[in-house]
Amino acid sequence: MKEQGMLIQVVGVGCGACQRLESDLCIIIAQTGLNARVEKIDDPLTIALMGIFHLPQLIINGRVVPFLYRNRASVERVLAEHVAMKSE
């Protein structure tokens, strides 16, 4: 049976940081071969109803991840932490 990949959702309204986060995330997934699907949530009302007010943000497998996007390294750290937690 094939292992189901992660669902990673980028939450943001399309600002520069949101676009860089999505780009960095896709590059990291391609470089590492991580089994993950990326989706974007960019509707302001949907984001507000989710209770997310700090953007950009990541949701991994339905869970909002405590995360402050600064650069690609910050994305690599949060993904490494999540993958390590998943394997425990």
Protein backbone atom coordinates (compact mmCIF):
# COMPACT_ATOMS: atom_id res chain seq x y z
CA MET A 1 0.00 0.00 0.00
CA LYS A 2 1.43 3.38 -1.03
CA GLU A 3 2.02 5.90 1.76
CA GLN A 4 -0.25 8.91 1.49
CA GLY A 5 1.66 12.17 1.11
CA MET A 6 1.30 15.33 3.11
CA LEU A 7 -1.13 18.05 2.20
CA ILE A 8 0.54 21.42 2.65
CA GLN A 9 -1.63 24.50 2.25
CA VAL A 10 -0.13 27.94 1.82
CA VAL A 11 -2.41 30.52 3.39
CA GLY A 12 -1.99 34.04 2.05
CA VAL A 13 -3.62 36.69 -0.09
CA GLY A 14 -0.94 36.92 -2.76
CA CYS A 15 1.53 39.38 -1.25
CA GLY A 16 5.22 39.08 -2.06
CA ALA A 17 5.97 37.02 1.04
CA CYS A 18 3.08 34.65 0.26
CA GLN A 19 4.39 34.13 -3.27
CA ARG A 20 7.97 33.57 -2.06
CA LEU A 21 6.76 31.06 0.55
CA GLU A 22 4.88 29.06 -2.07
CA SER A 23 7.86 29.16 -4.44
CA ASP A 24 10.33 28.14 -1.71
CA LEU A 25 8.02 25.34 -0.60
CA CYS A 26 7.75 23.92 -4.13
CA ILE A 27 11.54 24.09 -4.60
CA ILE A 28 12.16 22.28 -1.30
CA ILE A 29 9.64 19.56 -2.14
CA ALA A 30 11.23 19.04 -5.57
CA GLN A 31 14.78 18.97 -4.16
CA THR A 32 13.99 16.59 -1.30
CA GLY A 33 11.51 14.34 -3.05
CA LEU A 34 9.06 14.86 -0.21
CA ASN A 35 5.72 13.17 -0.91
CA ALA A 36 3.53 16.26 -0.59
CA ARG A 37 0.80 18.13 -2.42
CA VAL A 38 0.67 21.93 -2.23
CA GLU A 39 -2.55 23.90 -2.30
CA LYS A 40 -3.19 27.60 -1.88
CA ILE A 41 -5.85 29.26 0.28
CA ASP A 42 -6.08 32.88 -0.82
CA ASP A 43 -9.66 33.97 -0.17
CA PRO A 44 -9.58 36.66 2.59
CA LEU A 45 -12.98 35.66 4.02
CA THR A 46 -12.02 31.98 4.19
CA ILE A 47 -8.74 32.90 5.87
CA ALA A 48 -10.51 35.11 8.43
CA LEU A 49 -13.10 32.41 9.15
CA MET A 50 -10.22 30.00 9.82
CA GLY A 51 -8.99 32.41 12.50
CA ILE A 52 -5.70 33.06 10.75
CA PHE A 53 -4.60 36.66 10.93
CA HIS A 54 -0.83 36.41 10.45
CA LEU A 55 0.15 35.78 6.83
CA PRO A 56 1.65 33.91 5.15
CA GLN A 57 0.91 30.74 7.08
CA LEU A 58 1.19 27.01 6.53
CA ILE A 59 -1.33 24.28 7.21
CA ILE A 60 0.11 20.78 7.14
CA ASN A 61 -2.36 17.90 7.02
CA GLY A 62 -5.14 20.12 8.35
CA ARG A 63 -3.17 21.59 11.24
CA VAL A 64 -2.02 25.22 11.37
CA VAL A 65 1.72 25.10 11.99
CA PRO A 66 3.25 27.71 14.34
CA PHE A 67 5.46 29.39 11.78
CA LEU A 68 6.98 32.74 10.87
CA TYR A 69 8.16 32.88 7.26
CA ARG A 70 11.50 34.61 6.87
CA ASN A 71 13.27 32.72 4.09
CA ARG A 72 13.72 29.28 2.55
CA ALA A 73 15.61 28.05 5.62
CA SER A 74 12.60 28.79 7.83
CA VAL A 75 10.44 26.61 5.53
CA GLU A 76 13.05 23.83 5.57
CA ARG A 77 13.07 23.88 9.40
CA VAL A 78 9.31 23.63 9.78
CA LEU A 79 9.08 20.83 7.20
CA ALA A 80 11.95 18.91 8.84
CA GLU A 81 10.24 19.24 12.23
CA HIS A 82 6.94 18.04 10.83
CA VAL A 83 8.46 15.08 8.98
CA ALA A 84 10.38 14.09 12.14
CA MET A 85 7.17 14.24 14.23
CA LYS A 86 5.31 12.17 11.64
CA SER A 87 7.92 9.40 11.75
CA GLU A 88 7.88 9.10 15.56
